[in-house]
């Protein structure tokens, strides 16, 4: 019998750059269904939409990752760069050489490597291939990545904008990575969470805290959105609930990693992610 796992996510960040919808949906056994709805694309904020779908059956796991970043239609020529391999995963980036300088590519790789190590420690997600498409600021981009284990490594791929606003760009990259890793871990292992979407949002916040050394107000998920489909709208409500719950922990818009309140946030993350924490067999 097929064993499916699903959850969905949506977020909109306030103040300028918008936010991300994130979804994990069921797809048919042929793996051909789209996991991103028209509503998600139409309501996509500045830092885009990421949607995951998958199924698990007969010893196989299928993962489909779709991304859409809104912007101005333009030709984006992408090169591929393999990052220094993490202990737990293979990591690569796709980027436009005209838009990303060498030091920016190095910084992106460092953040992805640290986040991969973080999710391996926190939820036991290992032996995964990660691909991040760093979309030039203001450009639109759509991307789809499919993988089938055990024939290939599962590939968690996602596209995010690479903005001149470095602090926001870095926080968004880490946050999206960790959030989607929770959905993939749940799909691959079948571990049930009381509320997977809430757990995924908390995972993104704790990853920012650990990888970046602080959580800033602009790194919190945002306000509810409409017309994004049932899953997207529900997830945006969860995002807003998480924002309201975490905001009081910040002082003057920041939560440093070494503050007592940071330990409180880590405890919340640990509680929500506990069903995913045992190492994979």
C-alpha atoms as a PDB file:
ATOM      1  CA  UNK A   1       0.000   0.000   0.000  1.00  0.00           C
ATOM      2  CA  UNK A   2       1.262   3.445  -0.836  1.00  0.00           C
ATOM      3  CA  UNK A   3       2.383   5.556   2.086  1.00  0.00           C
ATOM      4  CA  UNK A   4       1.903   9.289   1.584  1.00  0.00           C
ATOM      5  CA  UNK A   5       2.924  12.329   3.606  1.00  0.00           C
ATOM      6  CA  UNK A   6       1.687  15.846   3.065  1.00  0.00           C
ATOM      7  CA  UNK A   7       1.779  19.300   4.564  1.00  0.00           C
ATOM      8  CA  UNK A   8       1.673  22.822   3.203  1.00  0.00           C
ATOM      9  CA  UNK A   9       3.125  26.188   3.974  1.00  0.00           C
ATOM     10  CA  UNK A  10       2.762  29.822   3.066  1.00  0.00           C
ATOM     11  CA  UNK A  11       4.279  32.974   4.334  1.00  0.00           C
ATOM     12  CA  UNK A  12       4.380  36.635   3.511  1.00  0.00           C
ATOM     13  CA  UNK A  13       6.925  38.862   5.168  1.00  0.00           C
ATOM     14  CA  UNK A  14       5.966  42.467   5.834  1.00  0.00           C
ATOM     15  CA  UNK A  15       7.877  45.566   4.795  1.00  0.00           C
ATOM     16  CA  UNK A  16       8.962  45.534   1.210  1.00  0.00           C
ATOM     17  CA  UNK A  17      10.402  42.258   0.055  1.00  0.00           C
ATOM     18  CA  UNK A  18       7.394  40.054   0.730  1.00  0.00           C
ATOM     19  CA  UNK A  19       7.706  36.374   1.585  1.00  0.00           C
ATOM     20  CA  UNK A  20       7.469  32.754   0.507  1.00  0.00           C
ATOM     21  CA  UNK A  21       4.722  30.226   0.079  1.00  0.00           C
ATOM     22  CA  UNK A  22       5.867  26.713   0.835  1.00  0.00           C
ATOM     23  CA  UNK A  23       3.831  23.564   0.254  1.00  0.00           C
ATOM     24  CA  UNK A  24       4.149  19.812   0.454  1.00  0.00           C
ATOM     25  CA  UNK A  25       1.354  18.140  -1.476  1.00  0.00           C
ATOM     26  CA  UNK A  26       0.460  14.687  -2.734  1.00  0.00           C
ATOM     27  CA  UNK A  27       1.140  13.819  -6.347  1.00  0.00           C
ATOM     28  CA  UNK A  28       0.050  10.795  -8.310  1.00  0.00           C
ATOM     29  CA  UNK A  29       2.232   7.714  -8.596  1.00  0.00           C
ATOM     30  CA  UNK A  30       3.249   8.738 -12.107  1.00  0.00           C
ATOM     31  CA  UNK A  31       4.814  11.880 -10.629  1.00  0.00           C
ATOM     32  CA  UNK A  32       3.487  14.078 -13.439  1.00  0.00           C
ATOM     33  CA  UNK A  33       1.112  16.291 -11.501  1.00  0.00           C
ATOM     34  CA  UNK A  34       2.019  19.877 -10.767  1.00  0.00           C
ATOM     35  CA  UNK A  35       2.341  20.627  -7.065  1.00  0.00           C
ATOM     36  CA  UNK A  36       2.087  24.398  -7.461  1.00  0.00           C
ATOM     37  CA  UNK A  37      -1.311  25.972  -7.938  1.00  0.00           C
ATOM     38  CA  UNK A  38      -2.126  28.944 -10.133  1.00  0.00           C
ATOM     39  CA  UNK A  39      -3.164  30.824  -7.000  1.00  0.00           C
ATOM     40  CA  UNK A  40       0.287  30.374  -5.500  1.00  0.00           C
ATOM     41  CA  UNK A  41       1.910  31.879  -8.579  1.00  0.00           C
ATOM     42  CA  UNK A  42      -0.571  34.742  -8.780  1.00  0.00           C
ATOM     43  CA  UNK A  43      -0.135  35.628  -5.109  1.00  0.00           C
ATOM     44  CA  UNK A  44       3.616  35.058  -5.040  1.00  0.00           C
ATOM     45  CA  UNK A  45       5.386  37.790  -3.059  1.00  0.00           C
ATOM     46  CA  UNK A  46       8.795  39.123  -3.952  1.00  0.00           C
ATOM     47  CA  UNK A  47      10.774  36.176  -2.664  1.00  0.00           C
ATOM     48  CA  UNK A  48       8.635  33.680  -4.475  1.00  0.00           C
ATOM     49  CA  UNK A  49       6.982  30.322  -4.103  1.00  0.00           C
ATOM     50  CA  UNK A  50       8.427  26.914  -3.299  1.00  0.00           C
ATOM     51  CA  UNK A  51       6.225  23.806  -3.533  1.00  0.00           C
ATOM     52  CA  UNK A  52       7.140  20.216  -2.734  1.00  0.00           C
ATOM     53  CA  UNK A  53       5.205  17.089  -3.587  1.00  0.00           C
ATOM     54  CA  UNK A  54       5.892  13.406  -3.246  1.00  0.00           C
ATOM     55  CA  UNK A  55       4.885   9.852  -2.510  1.00  0.00           C
ATOM     56  CA  UNK A  56       6.385   6.774  -0.906  1.00  0.00           C
ATOM     57  CA  UNK A  57       5.582   3.222  -2.020  1.00  0.00           C
ATOM     58  CA  UNK A  58       7.233  -0.163  -2.698  1.00  0.00           C
ATOM     59  CA  UNK A  59      10.550   0.968  -1.311  1.00  0.00           C
ATOM     60  CA  UNK A  60      10.663   4.044  -3.529  1.00  0.00           C
ATOM     61  CA  UNK A  61      10.321   7.729  -2.668  1.00  0.00           C
ATOM     62  CA  UNK A  62       9.451  10.337  -5.271  1.00  0.00           C
ATOM     63  CA  UNK A  63      10.124  14.033  -4.647  1.00  0.00           C
ATOM     64  CA  UNK A  64       9.053  16.889  -6.904  1.00  0.00           C
ATOM     65  CA  UNK A  65      10.181  20.429  -6.131  1.00  0.00           C
ATOM     66  CA  UNK A  66       8.756  23.437  -7.949  1.00  0.00           C
ATOM     67  CA  UNK A  67       9.739  27.077  -7.522  1.00  0.00           C
ATOM     68  CA  UNK A  68       8.546  30.357  -8.927  1.00  0.00           C
ATOM     69  CA  UNK A  69      10.106  33.775  -8.315  1.00  0.00           C
ATOM     70  CA  UNK A  70       8.053  36.697  -9.687  1.00  0.00           C
ATOM     71  CA  UNK A  71       9.669  39.597 -11.475  1.00  0.00           C
ATOM     72  CA  UNK A  72      10.456  40.983 -14.894  1.00  0.00           C
ATOM     73  CA  UNK A  73      10.717  38.410 -17.703  1.00  0.00           C
ATOM     74  CA  UNK A  74      14.330  38.315 -18.837  1.00  0.00           C
ATOM     75  CA  UNK A  75      16.852  35.788 -19.987  1.00  0.00           C
ATOM     76  CA  UNK A  76      18.648  34.243 -17.036  1.00  0.00           C
ATOM     77  CA  UNK A  77      21.768  32.277 -17.898  1.00  0.00           C
ATOM     78  CA  UNK A  78      22.706  29.971 -15.081  1.00  0.00           C
ATOM     79  CA  UNK A  79      26.006  28.327 -14.293  1.00  0.00           C
ATOM     80  CA  UNK A  80      26.326  25.486 -11.799  1.00  0.00           C
ATOM     81  CA  UNK A  81      28.811  25.338  -8.957  1.00  0.00           C
ATOM     82  CA  UNK A  82      29.332  22.478  -6.534  1.00  0.00           C
ATOM     83  CA  UNK A  83      29.823  23.760  -3.015  1.00  0.00           C
ATOM     84  CA  UNK A  84      32.295  22.262  -0.613  1.00  0.00           C
ATOM     85  CA  UNK A  85      30.585  19.003   0.271  1.00  0.00           C
ATOM     86  CA  UNK A  86      28.991  18.874   3.705  1.00  0.00           C
ATOM     87  CA  UNK A  87      29.458  15.812   5.885  1.00  0.00           C
ATOM     88  CA  UNK A  88      25.823  14.897   5.412  1.00  0.00           C
ATOM     89  CA  UNK A  89      24.863  15.998   1.902  1.00  0.00           C
ATOM     90  CA  UNK A  90      25.802  17.070  -1.612  1.00  0.00           C
ATOM     91  CA  UNK A  91      25.209  20.787  -2.203  1.00  0.00           C
ATOM     92  CA  UNK A  92      25.310  22.911  -5.340  1.00  0.00           C
ATOM     93  CA  UNK A  93      24.110  26.317  -6.494  1.00  0.00           C
ATOM     94  CA  UNK A  94      22.926  27.633  -9.838  1.00  0.00           C
ATOM     95  CA  UNK A  95      23.597  31.310 -10.452  1.00  0.00           C
ATOM     96  CA  UNK A  96      23.988  33.978 -13.110  1.00  0.00           C
ATOM     97  CA  UNK A  97      27.717  34.824 -13.320  1.00  0.00           C
ATOM     98  CA  UNK A  98      26.795  38.367 -14.350  1.00  0.00           C
ATOM     99  CA  UNK A  99      24.796  38.916 -11.165  1.00  0.00           C
ATOM    100  CA  UNK A 100      26.733  37.114  -8.414  1.00  0.00           C
ATOM    101  CA  UNK A 101      30.315  37.963  -7.572  1.00  0.00           C
ATOM    102  CA  UNK A 102      32.722  35.276  -6.389  1.00  0.00           C
ATOM    103  CA  UNK A 103      32.454  36.323  -2.736  1.00  0.00           C
ATOM    104  CA  UNK A 104      28.641  36.120  -2.916  1.00  0.00           C
ATOM    105  CA  UNK A 105      28.797  32.615  -4.349  1.00  0.00           C
ATOM    106  CA  UNK A 106      31.178  31.610  -1.592  1.00  0.00           C
ATOM    107  CA  UNK A 107      28.854  33.066   1.044  1.00  0.00           C
ATOM    108  CA  UNK A 108      25.836  31.236  -0.402  1.00  0.00           C
ATOM    109  CA  UNK A 109      27.734  27.944  -0.334  1.00  0.00           C
ATOM    110  CA  UNK A 110      28.845  28.515   3.254  1.00  0.00           C
ATOM    111  CA  UNK A 111      25.278  29.215   4.380  1.00  0.00           C
ATOM    112  CA  UNK A 112      23.889  26.169   2.583  1.00  0.00           C
ATOM    113  CA  UNK A 113      26.588  23.911   3.998  1.00  0.00           C
ATOM    114  CA  UNK A 114      25.978  25.159   7.543  1.00  0.00           C
ATOM    115  CA  UNK A 115      22.216  24.773   7.155  1.00  0.00           C
ATOM    116  CA  UNK A 116      22.595  21.222   5.835  1.00  0.00           C
ATOM    117  CA  UNK A 117      24.674  20.352   8.890  1.00  0.00           C
ATOM    118  CA  UNK A 118      22.093  22.047  11.125  1.00  0.00           C
ATOM    119  CA  UNK A 119      19.134  20.044   9.788  1.00  0.00           C
ATOM    120  CA  UNK A 120      21.197  16.847   9.959  1.00  0.00           C
ATOM    121  CA  UNK A 121      21.775  17.456  13.665  1.00  0.00           C
ATOM    122  CA  UNK A 122      18.263  18.612  14.483  1.00  0.00           C
ATOM    123  CA  UNK A 123      16.078  16.236  12.449  1.00  0.00           C
ATOM    124  CA  UNK A 124      18.474  13.589  11.157  1.00  0.00           C
ATOM    125  CA  UNK A 125      18.069  14.445   7.474  1.00  0.00           C
ATOM    126  CA  UNK A 126      21.124  13.068   5.669  1.00  0.00           C
ATOM    127  CA  UNK A 127      22.144  11.598   2.321  1.00  0.00           C
ATOM    128  CA  UNK A 128      20.281  14.270   0.375  1.00  0.00           C
ATOM    129  CA  UNK A 129      21.281  16.382  -2.609  1.00  0.00           C
ATOM    130  CA  UNK A 130      20.496  20.098  -2.274  1.00  0.00           C
ATOM    131  CA  UNK A 131      20.322  22.537  -5.184  1.00  0.00           C
ATOM    132  CA  UNK A 132      19.615  26.240  -4.736  1.00  0.00           C
ATOM    133  CA  UNK A 133      18.901  28.517  -7.686  1.00  0.00           C
ATOM    134  CA  UNK A 134      19.956  32.073  -6.833  1.00  0.00           C
ATOM    135  CA  UNK A 135      17.767  34.218  -9.065  1.00  0.00           C
ATOM    136  CA  UNK A 136      19.093  37.688  -9.960  1.00  0.00           C
ATOM    137  CA  UNK A 137      17.191  40.539  -8.306  1.00  0.00           C
ATOM    138  CA  UNK A 138      14.037  41.620 -10.192  1.00  0.00           C
ATOM    139  CA  UNK A 139      14.119  38.643 -12.602  1.00  0.00           C
ATOM    140  CA  UNK A 140      11.280  36.128 -12.843  1.00  0.00           C
ATOM    141  CA  UNK A 141      12.136  32.446 -12.825  1.00  0.00           C
ATOM    142  CA  UNK A 142      10.309  29.095 -12.761  1.00  0.00           C
ATOM    143  CA  UNK A 143      12.019  25.803 -11.965  1.00  0.00           C
ATOM    144  CA  UNK A 144      11.063  22.153 -11.449  1.00  0.00           C
ATOM    145  CA  UNK A 145      13.252  19.349 -10.083  1.00  0.00           C
ATOM    146  CA  UNK A 146      12.261  15.686  -9.773  1.00  0.00           C
ATOM    147  CA  UNK A 147      14.084  12.764  -8.154  1.00  0.00           C
ATOM    148  CA  UNK A 148      13.327   9.135  -7.338  1.00  0.00           C
ATOM    149  CA  UNK A 149      15.083   7.170  -4.603  1.00  0.00           C
ATOM    150  CA  UNK A 150      16.740   4.675  -4.356  1.00  0.00           C
ATOM    151  CA  UNK A 151      17.716   5.100  -8.013  1.00  0.00           C
ATOM    152  CA  UNK A 152      19.069   8.591  -7.353  1.00  0.00           C
ATOM    153  CA  UNK A 153      19.575  10.689  -4.255  1.00  0.00           C
ATOM    154  CA  UNK A 154      16.510  12.708  -3.379  1.00  0.00           C
ATOM    155  CA  UNK A 155      17.099  16.295  -4.457  1.00  0.00           C
ATOM    156  CA  UNK A 156      15.642  19.164  -2.482  1.00  0.00           C
ATOM    157  CA  UNK A 157      15.765  22.004  -4.986  1.00  0.00           C
ATOM    158  CA  UNK A 158      14.442  25.526  -4.588  1.00  0.00           C
ATOM    159  CA  UNK A 159      14.806  28.938  -6.207  1.00  0.00           C
ATOM    160  CA  UNK A 160      15.113  32.144  -4.193  1.00  0.00           C
ATOM    161  CA  UNK A 161      15.922  35.720  -5.211  1.00  0.00           C
ATOM    162  CA  UNK A 162      19.417  37.000  -4.550  1.00  0.00           C
ATOM    163  CA  UNK A 163      18.857  40.586  -3.454  1.00  0.00           C
ATOM    164  CA  UNK A 164      21.389  43.363  -2.756  1.00  0.00           C
ATOM    165  CA  UNK A 165      19.856  43.371   0.736  1.00  0.00           C
ATOM    166  CA  UNK A 166      22.338  40.810   2.059  1.00  0.00           C
ATOM    167  CA  UNK A 167      20.948  40.300   5.570  1.00  0.00           C
ATOM    168  CA  UNK A 168      17.443  39.595   4.276  1.00  0.00           C
ATOM    169  CA  UNK A 169      18.714  37.421   1.412  1.00  0.00           C
ATOM    170  CA  UNK A 170      20.832  35.280   3.726  1.00  0.00           C
ATOM    171  CA  UNK A 171      18.034  34.871   6.275  1.00  0.00           C
ATOM    172  CA  UNK A 172      15.571  33.899   3.558  1.00  0.00           C
ATOM    173  CA  UNK A 173      17.955  31.324   2.057  1.00  0.00           C
ATOM    174  CA  UNK A 174      18.559  29.630   5.405  1.00  0.00           C
ATOM    175  CA  UNK A 175      14.900  29.799   6.414  1.00  0.00           C
ATOM    176  CA  UNK A 176      13.505  28.290   3.206  1.00  0.00           C
ATOM    177  CA  UNK A 177      16.113  25.521   3.239  1.00  0.00           C
ATOM    178  CA  UNK A 178      15.343  24.424   6.810  1.00  0.00           C
ATOM    179  CA  UNK A 179      11.571  24.752   6.351  1.00  0.00           C
ATOM    180  CA  UNK A 180      11.540  22.516   3.279  1.00  0.00           C
ATOM    181  CA  UNK A 181      13.900  20.037   4.916  1.00  0.00           C
ATOM    182  CA  UNK A 182      11.226  19.333   7.531  1.00  0.00           C
ATOM    183  CA  UNK A 183       8.695  18.442   4.839  1.00  0.00           C
ATOM    184  CA  UNK A 184      11.200  16.193   3.071  1.00  0.00           C
ATOM    185  CA  UNK A 185      12.165  14.435   6.293  1.00  0.00           C
ATOM    186  CA  UNK A 186       8.509  13.782   7.103  1.00  0.00           C
ATOM    187  CA  UNK A 187       7.872  12.430   3.608  1.00  0.00           C
ATOM    188  CA  UNK A 188      10.895  10.164   3.572  1.00  0.00           C
ATOM    189  CA  UNK A 189      10.480   8.653   7.027  1.00  0.00           C
ATOM    190  CA  UNK A 190       6.733   8.734   7.513  1.00  0.00           C
ATOM    191  CA  UNK A 191       7.132  10.224  11.007  1.00  0.00           C
ATOM    192  CA  UNK A 192       3.931  12.036  11.924  1.00  0.00           C
ATOM    193  CA  UNK A 193       3.955  15.513  13.454  1.00  0.00           C
ATOM    194  CA  UNK A 194       0.985  17.034  15.280  1.00  0.00           C
ATOM    195  CA  UNK A 195       1.327  20.111  13.039  1.00  0.00           C
ATOM    196  CA  UNK A 196       3.979  19.722  10.370  1.00  0.00           C
ATOM    197  CA  UNK A 197       3.600  23.236   9.015  1.00  0.00           C
ATOM    198  CA  UNK A 198       4.079  24.874  12.391  1.00  0.00           C
ATOM    199  CA  UNK A 199       7.127  22.679  12.972  1.00  0.00           C
ATOM    200  CA  UNK A 200       8.557  23.707   9.595  1.00  0.00           C
ATOM    201  CA  UNK A 201       8.193  27.409  10.393  1.00  0.00           C
ATOM    202  CA  UNK A 202       9.894  26.945  13.743  1.00  0.00           C
ATOM    203  CA  UNK A 203      12.675  24.963  12.062  1.00  0.00           C
ATOM    204  CA  UNK A 204      13.362  27.900   9.760  1.00  0.00           C
ATOM    205  CA  UNK A 205      13.595  30.313  12.680  1.00  0.00           C
ATOM    206  CA  UNK A 206      15.928  28.112  14.715  1.00  0.00           C
ATOM    207  CA  UNK A 207      18.116  27.565  11.660  1.00  0.00           C
ATOM    208  CA  UNK A 208      18.493  31.326  11.287  1.00  0.00           C
ATOM    209  CA  UNK A 209      19.391  31.561  14.961  1.00  0.00           C
ATOM    210  CA  UNK A 210      22.043  28.852  14.676  1.00  0.00           C
ATOM    211  CA  UNK A 211      23.521  29.566  11.231  1.00  0.00           C
ATOM    212  CA  UNK A 212      23.364  33.379  11.236  1.00  0.00           C
ATOM    213  CA  UNK A 213      23.922  33.945  14.943  1.00  0.00           C
ATOM    214  CA  UNK A 214      20.671  35.835  15.410  1.00  0.00           C
ATOM    215  CA  UNK A 215      17.017  36.017  14.429  1.00  0.00           C
ATOM    216  CA  UNK A 216      15.747  39.384  13.224  1.00  0.00           C
ATOM    217  CA  UNK A 217      12.180  40.622  13.075  1.00  0.00           C
ATOM    218  CA  UNK A 218      12.241  40.660   9.291  1.00  0.00           C
ATOM    219  CA  UNK A 219      13.132  36.949   9.403  1.00  0.00           C
ATOM    220  CA  UNK A 220       9.791  36.092  11.015  1.00  0.00           C
ATOM    221  CA  UNK A 221       6.945  34.723   8.899  1.00  0.00           C
ATOM    222  CA  UNK A 222       4.289  37.295   8.139  1.00  0.00           C
ATOM    223  CA  UNK A 223       0.597  37.958   7.708  1.00  0.00           C
ATOM    224  CA  UNK A 224      -2.256  35.850   6.269  1.00  0.00           C
ATOM    225  CA  UNK A 225      -2.846  35.968   2.516  1.00  0.00           C
ATOM    226  CA  UNK A 226      -5.923  35.280   0.398  1.00  0.00           C
ATOM    227  CA  UNK A 227      -6.609  33.618  -2.960  1.00  0.00           C
ATOM    228  CA  UNK A 228      -3.641  31.246  -2.730  1.00  0.00           C
ATOM    229  CA  UNK A 229      -5.686  28.072  -2.479  1.00  0.00           C
ATOM    230  CA  UNK A 230      -6.788  26.224   0.637  1.00  0.00           C
ATOM    231  CA  UNK A 231      -3.332  24.891   1.531  1.00  0.00           C
ATOM    232  CA  UNK A 232      -1.582  28.205   0.956  1.00  0.00           C
ATOM    233  CA  UNK A 233      -4.126  30.191   2.923  1.00  0.00           C
ATOM    234  CA  UNK A 234      -4.060  27.753   5.825  1.00  0.00           C
ATOM    235  CA  UNK A 235      -0.307  27.852   5.943  1.00  0.00           C
ATOM    236  CA  UNK A 236      -0.217  31.639   5.898  1.00  0.00           C
ATOM    237  CA  UNK A 237      -2.446  31.593   8.974  1.00  0.00           C
ATOM    238  CA  UNK A 238      -0.023  29.208  10.674  1.00  0.00           C
ATOM    239  CA  UNK A 239       2.822  31.549   9.699  1.00  0.00           C
ATOM    240  CA  UNK A 240       1.054  34.479  11.327  1.00  0.00           C
ATOM    241  CA  UNK A 241       0.412  32.463  14.499  1.00  0.00           C
ATOM    242  CA  UNK A 242       4.102  31.555  14.699  1.00  0.00           C
ATOM    243  CA  UNK A 243       5.078  35.182  14.165  1.00  0.00           C
ATOM    244  CA  UNK A 244       2.837  36.332  17.026  1.00  0.00           C
ATOM    245  CA  UNK A 245       4.203  33.606  19.304  1.00  0.00           C
ATOM    246  CA  UNK A 246       7.878  34.335  18.601  1.00  0.00           C
ATOM    247  CA  UNK A 247       7.840  38.125  18.313  1.00  0.00           C
ATOM    248  CA  UNK A 248       7.778  38.716  22.127  1.00  0.00           C
ATOM    249  CA  UNK A 249      11.128  36.899  22.387  1.00  0.00           C
ATOM    250  CA  UNK A 250      12.836  39.621  20.343  1.00  0.00           C
ATOM    251  CA  UNK A 251      14.371  42.738  21.874  1.00  0.00           C
ATOM    252  CA  UNK A 252      14.603  45.780  19.636  1.00  0.00           C
ATOM    253  CA  UNK A 253      13.924  43.568  16.645  1.00  0.00           C
ATOM    254  CA  UNK A 254      16.647  40.995  17.360  1.00  0.00           C
ATOM    255  CA  UNK A 255      17.169  37.711  19.155  1.00  0.00           C
ATOM    256  CA  UNK A 256      20.917  36.942  19.557  1.00  0.00           C
ATOM    257  CA  UNK A 257      21.887  33.288  19.633  1.00  0.00           C
ATOM    258  CA  UNK A 258      23.480  33.549  23.106  1.00  0.00           C
ATOM    259  CA  UNK A 259      20.502  35.177  24.859  1.00  0.00           C
ATOM    260  CA  UNK A 260      18.344  33.289  27.396  1.00  0.00           C
ATOM    261  CA  UNK A 261      15.310  33.828  25.189  1.00  0.00           C
ATOM    262  CA  UNK A 262      17.108  32.097  22.341  1.00  0.00           C
ATOM    263  CA  UNK A 263      17.172  28.977  24.502  1.00  0.00           C
ATOM    264  CA  UNK A 264      13.407  29.290  24.887  1.00  0.00           C
ATOM    265  CA  UNK A 265      12.997  29.361  21.107  1.00  0.00           C
ATOM    266  CA  UNK A 266      15.273  26.343  20.731  1.00  0.00           C
ATOM    267  CA  UNK A 267      13.156  24.469  23.269  1.00  0.00           C
ATOM    268  CA  UNK A 268      10.020  25.210  21.248  1.00  0.00           C
ATOM    269  CA  UNK A 269      11.731  23.961  18.103  1.00  0.00           C
ATOM    270  CA  UNK A 270      12.920  20.787  19.827  1.00  0.00           C
ATOM    271  CA  UNK A 271       9.425  20.003  21.081  1.00  0.00           C
ATOM    272  CA  UNK A 272       7.819  20.421  17.675  1.00  0.00           C
ATOM    273  CA  UNK A 273      10.534  18.570  15.783  1.00  0.00           C
ATOM    274  CA  UNK A 274      10.923  15.697  18.259  1.00  0.00           C
ATOM    275  CA  UNK A 275       9.060  13.137  16.078  1.00  0.00           C
ATOM    276  CA  UNK A 276      11.617  13.740  13.310  1.00  0.00           C
ATOM    277  CA  UNK A 277      14.718  13.766  15.469  1.00  0.00           C
ATOM    278  CA  UNK A 278      15.761  10.070  15.614  1.00  0.00           C
ATOM    279  CA  UNK A 279      18.485   9.256  13.072  1.00  0.00           C
ATOM    280  CA  UNK A 280      17.331   7.483   9.948  1.00  0.00           C
ATOM    281  CA  UNK A 281      18.001   3.770   9.802  1.00  0.00           C
END
